[in-house]
C-alpha atoms as a PDB file:
ATOM      1  CA  MET A   1       0.000   0.000   0.000  1.00  0.00           C
ATOM      2  CA  THR A   2       1.294   3.453  -0.888  1.00  0.00           C
ATOM      3  CA  SER A   3       1.656   5.599   2.212  1.00  0.00           C
ATOM      4  CA  LYS A   4       0.623   9.244   2.495  1.00  0.00           C
ATOM      5  CA  LEU A   5       4.337  10.097   2.749  1.00  0.00           C
ATOM      6  CA  ASN A   6       5.024   8.375  -0.593  1.00  0.00           C
ATOM      7  CA  ARG A   7       2.147  10.226  -2.228  1.00  0.00           C
ATOM      8  CA  THR A   8       3.298  13.571  -0.835  1.00  0.00           C
ATOM      9  CA  PHE A   9       6.837  13.195  -2.180  1.00  0.00           C
ATOM     10  CA  ALA A  10       5.489  12.021  -5.557  1.00  0.00           C
ATOM     11  CA  GLN A  11       3.142  15.016  -5.842  1.00  0.00           C
ATOM     12  CA  LEU A  12       5.958  17.420  -4.926  1.00  0.00           C
ATOM     13  CA  ARG A  13       8.257  15.802  -7.483  1.00  0.00           C
ATOM     14  CA  GLN A  14       5.618  16.319 -10.185  1.00  0.00           C
ATOM     15  CA  ARG A  15       5.506  20.029  -9.257  1.00  0.00           C
ATOM     16  CA  GLY A  16       9.299  20.321  -9.206  1.00  0.00           C
ATOM     17  CA  GLU A  17       9.309  20.987  -5.458  1.00  0.00           C
ATOM     18  CA  LYS A  18      11.093  19.586  -2.437  1.00  0.00           C
ATOM     19  CA  ALA A  19       9.386  18.673   0.839  1.00  0.00           C
ATOM     20  CA  LEU A  20       9.526  21.111   3.736  1.00  0.00           C
ATOM     21  CA  ILE A  21       9.363  18.968   6.877  1.00  0.00           C
ATOM     22  CA  THR A  22       8.805  21.007  10.033  1.00  0.00           C
ATOM     23  CA  TYR A  23       9.219  19.778  13.612  1.00  0.00           C
ATOM     24  CA  VAL A  24       7.334  20.967  16.671  1.00  0.00           C
ATOM     25  CA  MET A  25       7.355  19.529  20.183  1.00  0.00           C
ATOM     26  CA  ALA A  26       3.814  18.382  20.918  1.00  0.00           C
ATOM     27  CA  GLY A  27       2.501  20.166  23.989  1.00  0.00           C
ATOM     28  CA  ASP A  28       4.871  23.141  23.868  1.00  0.00           C
ATOM     29  CA  PRO A  29       3.460  25.526  24.965  1.00  0.00           C
ATOM     30  CA  SER A  30       0.220  23.487  25.035  1.00  0.00           C
ATOM     31  CA  LEU A  31      -1.495  20.825  22.939  1.00  0.00           C
ATOM     32  CA  GLN A  32      -4.154  23.338  21.930  1.00  0.00           C
ATOM     33  CA  GLU A  33      -1.447  25.629  20.538  1.00  0.00           C
ATOM     34  CA  THR A  34       0.336  22.679  18.878  1.00  0.00           C
ATOM     35  CA  GLU A  35      -2.896  21.858  17.078  1.00  0.00           C
ATOM     36  CA  GLN A  36      -3.201  25.480  15.947  1.00  0.00           C
ATOM     37  CA  LEU A  37       0.446  25.456  14.811  1.00  0.00           C
ATOM     38  CA  VAL A  38      -0.040  22.344  12.658  1.00  0.00           C
ATOM     39  CA  VAL A  39      -2.953  23.927  10.795  1.00  0.00           C
ATOM     40  CA  GLU A  40      -1.132  27.250  10.302  1.00  0.00           C
ATOM     41  CA  LEU A  41       2.184  25.644   9.278  1.00  0.00           C
ATOM     42  CA  GLU A  42       0.408  23.697   6.561  1.00  0.00           C
ATOM     43  CA  GLN A  43      -1.049  26.954   5.277  1.00  0.00           C
ATOM     44  CA  ALA A  44       2.424  28.524   5.423  1.00  0.00           C
ATOM     45  CA  GLY A  45       3.941  25.833   3.189  1.00  0.00           C
ATOM     46  CA  ALA A  46       4.937  22.882   5.368  1.00  0.00           C
ATOM     47  CA  ASP A  47       4.463  19.589   3.478  1.00  0.00           C
ATOM     48  CA  ILE A  48       5.022  17.143   6.361  1.00  0.00           C
ATOM     49  CA  ILE A  49       4.983  17.842  10.103  1.00  0.00           C
ATOM     50  CA  GLU A  50       6.963  15.943  12.726  1.00  0.00           C
ATOM     51  CA  LEU A  51       5.431  15.955  16.186  1.00  0.00           C
ATOM     52  CA  GLY A  52       7.928  15.388  18.979  1.00  0.00           C
ATOM     53  CA  VAL A  53       6.778  13.177  21.849  1.00  0.00           C
ATOM     54  CA  PRO A  54       8.324  14.746  24.986  1.00  0.00           C
ATOM     55  CA  PHE A  55      10.737  12.534  26.894  1.00  0.00           C
ATOM     56  CA  SER A  56      12.827  13.240  29.990  1.00  0.00           C
ATOM     57  CA  ASP A  57      16.163  12.145  28.484  1.00  0.00           C
ATOM     58  CA  PRO A  58      16.222  12.993  24.745  1.00  0.00           C
ATOM     59  CA  ILE A  59      19.798  11.952  23.889  1.00  0.00           C
ATOM     60  CA  ALA A  60      19.780  13.126  20.249  1.00  0.00           C
ATOM     61  CA  ASP A  61      18.425  16.568  21.026  1.00  0.00           C
ATOM     62  CA  GLY A  62      20.172  19.797  21.885  1.00  0.00           C
ATOM     63  CA  PRO A  63      19.154  22.207  24.672  1.00  0.00           C
ATOM     64  CA  VAL A  64      16.437  23.957  22.622  1.00  0.00           C
ATOM     65  CA  ILE A  65      14.414  20.787  22.090  1.00  0.00           C
ATOM     66  CA  GLN A  66      15.283  19.397  25.545  1.00  0.00           C
ATOM     67  CA  GLN A  67      13.773  22.505  27.138  1.00  0.00           C
ATOM     68  CA  ALA A  68      10.700  22.229  24.909  1.00  0.00           C
ATOM     69  CA  ALA A  69      10.263  18.610  26.061  1.00  0.00           C
ATOM     70  CA  GLU A  70      10.503  19.716  29.710  1.00  0.00           C
ATOM     71  CA  ARG A  71       7.854  22.401  29.164  1.00  0.00           C
ATOM     72  CA  ALA A  72       5.576  19.910  27.379  1.00  0.00           C
ATOM     73  CA  LEU A  73       5.925  17.349  30.164  1.00  0.00           C
ATOM     74  CA  ARG A  74       5.186  20.009  32.781  1.00  0.00           C
ATOM     75  CA  SER A  75       1.999  20.891  30.894  1.00  0.00           C
ATOM     76  CA  GLY A  76       0.854  17.271  31.225  1.00  0.00           C
ATOM     77  CA  THR A  77       1.543  16.090  27.675  1.00  0.00           C
ATOM     78  CA  SER A  78       1.619  12.304  27.220  1.00  0.00           C
ATOM     79  CA  VAL A  79       1.462   9.770  24.393  1.00  0.00           C
ATOM     80  CA  GLY A  80      -2.272   9.408  24.995  1.00  0.00           C
ATOM     81  CA  THR A  81      -3.011  13.141  24.901  1.00  0.00           C
ATOM     82  CA  ILE A  82      -0.906  13.550  21.738  1.00  0.00           C
ATOM     83  CA  LEU A  83      -2.846  10.793  19.970  1.00  0.00           C
ATOM     84  CA  SER A  84      -6.105  12.466  21.014  1.00  0.00           C
ATOM     85  CA  MET A  85      -4.812  15.726  19.523  1.00  0.00           C
ATOM     86  CA  VAL A  86      -3.936  13.963  16.238  1.00  0.00           C
ATOM     87  CA  THR A  87      -7.464  12.513  16.116  1.00  0.00           C
ATOM     88  CA  SER A  88      -8.833  16.032  16.584  1.00  0.00           C
ATOM     89  CA  LEU A  89      -6.485  17.431  13.919  1.00  0.00           C
ATOM     90  CA  ARG A  90      -7.703  14.948  11.327  1.00  0.00           C
ATOM     91  CA  ALA A  91     -11.000  16.816  11.185  1.00  0.00           C
ATOM     92  CA  ARG A  92      -9.061  19.920  10.075  1.00  0.00           C
ATOM     93  CA  THR A  93      -6.091  18.792   8.004  1.00  0.00           C
ATOM     94  CA  LYS A  94      -4.791  15.916   5.894  1.00  0.00           C
ATOM     95  CA  ILE A  95      -1.109  16.913   6.071  1.00  0.00           C
ATOM     96  CA  PRO A  96       1.168  13.910   6.789  1.00  0.00           C
ATOM     97  CA  LEU A  97       1.999  13.752  10.498  1.00  0.00           C
ATOM     98  CA  VAL A  98       5.046  11.842  11.729  1.00  0.00           C
ATOM     99  CA  LEU A  99       5.634  11.126  15.413  1.00  0.00           C
ATOM    100  CA  MET A 100       9.208  11.403  16.669  1.00  0.00           C
ATOM    101  CA  ALA A 101       9.394   9.400  19.884  1.00  0.00           C
ATOM    102  CA  TYR A 102      12.097   7.778  21.975  1.00  0.00           C
ATOM    103  CA  TYR A 103      11.584   4.067  22.449  1.00  0.00           C
ATOM    104  CA  ASN A 104      11.053   4.297  26.236  1.00  0.00           C
ATOM    105  CA  SER A 105       7.794   6.175  25.607  1.00  0.00           C
ATOM    106  CA  ILE A 106       6.642   3.545  23.111  1.00  0.00           C
ATOM    107  CA  HIS A 107       7.709   0.641  25.356  1.00  0.00           C
ATOM    108  CA  ALA A 108       5.828   2.109  28.321  1.00  0.00           C
ATOM    109  CA  PHE A 109       2.673   2.490  26.202  1.00  0.00           C
ATOM    110  CA  GLY A 110       3.126  -0.954  24.621  1.00  0.00           C
ATOM    111  CA  PRO A 111       4.487  -1.237  21.040  1.00  0.00           C
ATOM    112  CA  GLU A 112       1.426  -3.027  19.597  1.00  0.00           C
ATOM    113  CA  ARG A 113      -1.032  -0.677  21.263  1.00  0.00           C
ATOM    114  CA  PHE A 114       1.074   2.357  20.338  1.00  0.00           C
ATOM    115  CA  CYS A 115       1.274   1.498  16.633  1.00  0.00           C
ATOM    116  CA  GLN A 116      -2.371   0.525  16.417  1.00  0.00           C
ATOM    117  CA  GLU A 117      -3.670   3.638  18.186  1.00  0.00           C
ATOM    118  CA  ALA A 118      -1.256   5.950  16.348  1.00  0.00           C
ATOM    119  CA  ALA A 119      -2.445   4.653  12.977  1.00  0.00           C
ATOM    120  CA  GLN A 120      -6.097   4.882  14.043  1.00  0.00           C
ATOM    121  CA  ALA A 121      -5.558   8.483  15.190  1.00  0.00           C
ATOM    122  CA  GLY A 122      -4.125   9.414  11.789  1.00  0.00           C
ATOM    123  CA  VAL A 123      -0.357   9.273  12.284  1.00  0.00           C
ATOM    124  CA  ASP A 124       1.448   8.656   8.972  1.00  0.00           C
ATOM    125  CA  GLY A 125       4.945   7.629  10.080  1.00  0.00           C
ATOM    126  CA  LEU A 126       7.240   7.061  13.013  1.00  0.00           C
ATOM    127  CA  ILE A 127      10.808   8.133  13.825  1.00  0.00           C
ATOM    128  CA  VAL A 128      12.514   6.558  16.845  1.00  0.00           C
ATOM    129  CA  PRO A 129      15.927   8.280  17.108  1.00  0.00           C
ATOM    130  CA  ASP A 130      17.365   5.851  19.671  1.00  0.00           C
ATOM    131  CA  MET A 131      16.352   2.717  17.732  1.00  0.00           C
ATOM    132  CA  PRO A 132      18.377   1.817  14.614  1.00  0.00           C
ATOM    133  CA  PRO A 133      16.811  -0.699  12.206  1.00  0.00           C
ATOM    134  CA  ASP A 134      18.851  -3.672  13.461  1.00  0.00           C
ATOM    135  CA  GLU A 135      17.422  -3.094  16.970  1.00  0.00           C
ATOM    136  CA  ALA A 136      13.879  -2.314  15.824  1.00  0.00           C
ATOM    137  CA  GLY A 137      12.575  -5.890  16.042  1.00  0.00           C
ATOM    138  CA  PRO A 138      10.015  -5.107  18.767  1.00  0.00           C
ATOM    139  CA  LEU A 139       8.564  -2.336  16.612  1.00  0.00           C
ATOM    140  CA  LYS A 140       8.770  -3.617  13.029  1.00  0.00           C
ATOM    141  CA  LYS A 141       5.985  -6.180  13.210  1.00  0.00           C
ATOM    142  CA  PRO A 142       3.394  -3.998  15.020  1.00  0.00           C
ATOM    143  CA  ALA A 143       4.257  -1.011  12.804  1.00  0.00           C
ATOM    144  CA  ALA A 144       3.845  -3.104   9.646  1.00  0.00           C
ATOM    145  CA  ALA A 145       0.561  -4.538  10.937  1.00  0.00           C
ATOM    146  CA  ALA A 146      -0.722  -1.005  11.550  1.00  0.00           C
ATOM    147  CA  GLY A 147       0.554   0.276   8.178  1.00  0.00           C
ATOM    148  CA  LEU A 148       2.845   2.733   9.938  1.00  0.00           C
ATOM    149  CA  PRO A 149       6.090   3.498   8.023  1.00  0.00           C
ATOM    150  CA  LEU A 150       9.287   3.418  10.114  1.00  0.00           C
ATOM    151  CA  ILE A 151      11.723   6.189   9.178  1.00  0.00           C
ATOM    152  CA  PHE A 152      15.354   5.608  10.151  1.00  0.00           C
ATOM    153  CA  LEU A 153      18.194   8.044  10.705  1.00  0.00           C
ATOM    154  CA  LEU A 154      21.483   7.826   8.833  1.00  0.00           C
ATOM    155  CA  ALA A 155      24.645   9.536  10.099  1.00  0.00           C
ATOM    156  CA  PRO A 156      27.418  11.088   7.971  1.00  0.00           C
ATOM    157  CA  THR A 157      29.909   8.724   9.627  1.00  0.00           C
ATOM    158  CA  SER A 158      28.125   5.591   8.354  1.00  0.00           C
ATOM    159  CA  THR A 159      30.141   3.039   6.413  1.00  0.00           C
ATOM    160  CA  GLU A 160      29.007   2.054   2.907  1.00  0.00           C
ATOM    161  CA  GLU A 161      27.604  -1.206   4.258  1.00  0.00           C
ATOM    162  CA  ARG A 162      25.734   0.588   7.039  1.00  0.00           C
ATOM    163  CA  ARG A 163      24.447   3.267   4.674  1.00  0.00           C
ATOM    164  CA  THR A 164      23.010   0.616   2.339  1.00  0.00           C
ATOM    165  CA  PHE A 165      21.400  -1.344   5.186  1.00  0.00           C
ATOM    166  CA  VAL A 166      19.732   1.653   6.878  1.00  0.00           C
ATOM    167  CA  ALA A 167      18.602   3.283   3.626  1.00  0.00           C
ATOM    168  CA  ARG A 168      16.929   0.079   2.456  1.00  0.00           C
ATOM    169  CA  GLN A 169      15.163  -0.427   5.789  1.00  0.00           C
ATOM    170  CA  SER A 170      13.764   3.104   5.954  1.00  0.00           C
ATOM    171  CA  GLN A 171      10.195   3.726   4.762  1.00  0.00           C
ATOM    172  CA  GLY A 172       8.603   7.020   3.738  1.00  0.00           C
ATOM    173  CA  PHE A 173      11.968   8.765   3.575  1.00  0.00           C
ATOM    174  CA  VAL A 174      15.526   8.398   4.812  1.00  0.00           C
ATOM    175  CA  TYR A 175      16.338  10.926   7.547  1.00  0.00           C
ATOM    176  CA  TYR A 176      19.918  11.964   6.789  1.00  0.00           C
ATOM    177  CA  VAL A 177      21.567  13.656   9.766  1.00  0.00           C
ATOM    178  CA  SER A 178      23.744  16.326   8.164  1.00  0.00           C
ATOM    179  CA  LEU A 179      26.325  16.450  10.946  1.00  0.00           C
ATOM    180  CA  THR A 180      27.609  14.494  13.905  1.00  0.00           C
ATOM    181  CA  GLY A 181      26.219  15.813  17.157  1.00  0.00           C
ATOM    182  CA  ILE A 182      22.853  16.952  18.475  1.00  0.00           C
ATOM    183  CA  THR A 183      19.956  18.923  17.057  1.00  0.00           C
ATOM    184  CA  GLY A 184      20.442  22.668  16.944  1.00  0.00           C
ATOM    185  CA  ALA A 185      24.081  22.567  15.828  1.00  0.00           C
ATOM    186  CA  LYS A 186      25.149  24.652  12.829  1.00  0.00           C
ATOM    187  CA  LEU A 187      25.004  23.259   9.294  1.00  0.00           C
ATOM    188  CA  LEU A 188      28.531  23.077   7.967  1.00  0.00           C
ATOM    189  CA  ASN A 189      29.871  21.662   4.700  1.00  0.00           C
ATOM    190  CA  MET A 190      27.164  21.506   2.020  1.00  0.00           C
ATOM    191  CA  ALA A 191      29.526  19.795  -0.439  1.00  0.00           C
ATOM    192  CA  ASP A 192      29.881  16.856   1.971  1.00  0.00           C
ATOM    193  CA  VAL A 193      26.125  16.742   2.543  1.00  0.00           C
ATOM    194  CA  GLY A 194      25.551  16.651  -1.223  1.00  0.00           C
ATOM    195  CA  LYS A 195      28.043  13.817  -1.736  1.00  0.00           C
ATOM    196  CA  ASN A 196      26.463  11.746   1.025  1.00  0.00           C
ATOM    197  CA  VAL A 197      22.929  12.318  -0.273  1.00  0.00           C
ATOM    198  CA  GLU A 198      24.063  11.049  -3.691  1.00  0.00           C
ATOM    199  CA  LYS A 199      25.618   7.957  -2.072  1.00  0.00           C
ATOM    200  CA  ILE A 200      22.323   7.224  -0.284  1.00  0.00           C
ATOM    201  CA  ARG A 201      20.328   7.679  -3.491  1.00  0.00           C
ATOM    202  CA  LYS A 202      22.444   5.032  -5.199  1.00  0.00           C
ATOM    203  CA  VAL A 203      21.215   2.366  -2.799  1.00  0.00           C
ATOM    204  CA  THR A 204      17.518   3.278  -2.366  1.00  0.00           C
ATOM    205  CA  HIS A 205      14.563   4.750  -4.243  1.00  0.00           C
ATOM    206  CA  VAL A 206      13.137   6.189  -1.009  1.00  0.00           C
ATOM    207  CA  PRO A 207      13.377  10.012  -0.833  1.00  0.00           C
ATOM    208  CA  VAL A 208      16.242  11.485   1.208  1.00  0.00           C
ATOM    209  CA  ALA A 209      15.479  14.315   3.640  1.00  0.00           C
ATOM    210  CA  VAL A 210      18.217  16.259   5.413  1.00  0.00           C
ATOM    211  CA  GLY A 211      17.934  17.532   8.973  1.00  0.00           C
ATOM    212  CA  PHE A 212      20.061  18.933  11.820  1.00  0.00           C
ATOM    213  CA  GLY A 213      21.501  22.417  11.346  1.00  0.00           C
ATOM    214  CA  VAL A 214      18.946  23.902   8.928  1.00  0.00           C
ATOM    215  CA  ALA A 215      18.173  27.240  10.566  1.00  0.00           C
ATOM    216  CA  THR A 216      17.609  29.903   7.878  1.00  0.00           C
ATOM    217  CA  PRO A 217      15.870  30.282   4.503  1.00  0.00           C
ATOM    218  CA  GLU A 218      19.340  30.211   2.921  1.00  0.00           C
ATOM    219  CA  ASP A 219      20.111  26.887   4.621  1.00  0.00           C
ATOM    220  CA  ALA A 220      16.763  25.500   3.451  1.00  0.00           C
ATOM    221  CA  ALA A 221      17.434  26.590  -0.133  1.00  0.00           C
ATOM    222  CA  ASN A 222      20.922  25.041  -0.098  1.00  0.00           C
ATOM    223  CA  VAL A 223      19.591  21.721   1.170  1.00  0.00           C
ATOM    224  CA  ALA A 224      16.623  21.792  -1.239  1.00  0.00           C
ATOM    225  CA  ALA A 225      19.096  21.997  -4.109  1.00  0.00           C
ATOM    226  CA  ILE A 226      20.525  18.568  -3.239  1.00  0.00           C
ATOM    227  CA  ALA A 227      17.923  16.598  -1.244  1.00  0.00           C
ATOM    228  CA  ASP A 228      14.286  15.537  -1.600  1.00  0.00           C
ATOM    229  CA  GLY A 229      13.283  17.065   1.720  1.00  0.00           C
ATOM    230  CA  VAL A 230      14.438  19.722   4.165  1.00  0.00           C
ATOM    231  CA  ILE A 231      13.857  19.134   7.891  1.00  0.00           C
ATOM    232  CA  VAL A 232      13.712  22.176  10.183  1.00  0.00           C
ATOM    233  CA  GLY A 233      13.318  21.639  13.917  1.00  0.00           C
ATOM    234  CA  SER A 234      15.359  23.599  16.451  1.00  0.00           C
ATOM    235  CA  ALA A 235      14.941  26.937  14.647  1.00  0.00           C
ATOM    236  CA  ILE A 236      11.154  26.551  14.835  1.00  0.00           C
ATOM    237  CA  VAL A 237      11.170  25.326  18.454  1.00  0.00           C
ATOM    238  CA  LYS A 238      13.414  28.278  19.393  1.00  0.00           C
ATOM    239  CA  LEU A 239      10.929  30.697  17.818  1.00  0.00           C
ATOM    240  CA  ILE A 240       8.038  29.060  19.680  1.00  0.00           C
ATOM    241  CA  ALA A 241       9.975  29.439  22.943  1.00  0.00           C
ATOM    242  CA  ALA A 242      10.747  33.097  22.278  1.00  0.00           C
ATOM    243  CA  HIS A 243       7.085  33.960  21.602  1.00  0.00           C
ATOM    244  CA  ARG A 244       5.266  31.335  23.673  1.00  0.00           C
ATOM    245  CA  GLN A 245       3.731  33.838  26.089  1.00  0.00           C
ATOM    246  CA  LYS A 246       2.658  36.238  23.337  1.00  0.00           C
ATOM    247  CA  PRO A 247      -0.659  36.147  21.457  1.00  0.00           C
ATOM    248  CA  ASP A 248       1.065  36.301  18.052  1.00  0.00           C
ATOM    249  CA  MET A 249       3.322  33.244  18.567  1.00  0.00           C
ATOM    250  CA  VAL A 250       1.641  31.168  15.851  1.00  0.00           C
ATOM    251  CA  LYS A 251       1.821  34.075  13.396  1.00  0.00           C
ATOM    252  CA  HIS A 252       5.586  34.506  13.963  1.00  0.00           C
ATOM    253  CA  VAL A 253       6.278  30.797  13.445  1.00  0.00           C
ATOM    254  CA  ALA A 254       4.066  30.638  10.338  1.00  0.00           C
ATOM    255  CA  GLU A 255       5.888  33.632   8.807  1.00  0.00           C
ATOM    256  CA  PHE A 256       9.247  31.911   9.351  1.00  0.00           C
ATOM    257  CA  VAL A 257       8.009  28.672   7.774  1.00  0.00           C
ATOM    258  CA  ARG A 258       6.610  30.649   4.837  1.00  0.00           C
ATOM    259  CA  SER A 259      10.058  32.230   4.308  1.00  0.00           C
ATOM    260  CA  LEU A 260      11.652  28.758   4.263  1.00  0.00           C
ATOM    261  CA  LYS A 261       9.238  27.482   1.608  1.00  0.00           C
ATOM    262  CA  VAL A 262       9.650  30.601  -0.540  1.00  0.00           C
ATOM    263  CA  ALA A 263      13.446  30.137  -0.476  1.00  0.00           C
ATOM    264  CA  MET A 264      13.108  26.437  -1.349  1.00  0.00           C
ATOM    265  CA  ARG A 265      10.770  27.138  -4.278  1.00  0.00           C
ATOM    266  CA  ALA A 266      13.300  29.565  -5.737  1.00  0.00           C
ATOM    267  CA  VAL A 267      15.846  26.775  -6.157  1.00  0.00           C
ATOM    268  CA  GLN A 268      16.079  24.852  -9.421  1.00  0.00           C
ATOM    269  CA  PRO A 269      15.380  21.248  -8.373  1.00  0.00           C
ATOM    270  CA  LYS A 270      18.035  18.607  -8.930  1.00  0.00           C
ATOM    271  CA  THR A 271      16.444  15.617 -10.613  1.00  0.00           C
ATOM    272  CA  ARG A 272      17.059  12.096  -9.404  1.00  0.00           C
END
């Protein structure tokens, strides 16, 4: 069965566009505001939205997203309340929604129950940053049964063998981490990113999206020139934090996302 993620990338390819994948921490500042953000970010040009599931020890995340997770947990956000929010969102938007959750949260909820309820709520994919594909046994079967694509991360330090294995296991898209380190670090050598994206493309037909370090419209345009998708997380979460107590928070974030998409559309797409 073709997933919503597959269809989204195919439609964008037909239009000569690349996917803008935006990340927000669910429940920061509140689930009600997260729901509002999802709807507005779609209007602003986001093609896919990642919803972070807050966790107390997010090892792959930098301080910006760690603090967002702490705020979300303090506001009472849980796996159950996030799935209820997704159910509510499905009455307002069809944009692909991908949950980004650490495995502890899934294990505590129960992998079978988690995958089943996530799919029923309207989740379109799952990223588990602390679970590489060779350790994803407990999740692969329930995810497949629920029709929930598993998206895996690929590091720039991966060997050729590892790159091939991870890329071929990933569904929906391959999440290429543009640098070694944590989220929120600065994007460095675009030439290296481009070379690694090409290496990944040689071993899979799944789209390649690049994340970590994309912070400005210029960054987004540079990545859009070489990849199938551009993932922006910390820059958006930072903006939410800066305006979270102001009535125009959603407007500020939507304007930033709009500027990213405008910059990406200005780039001549590189065909596969």
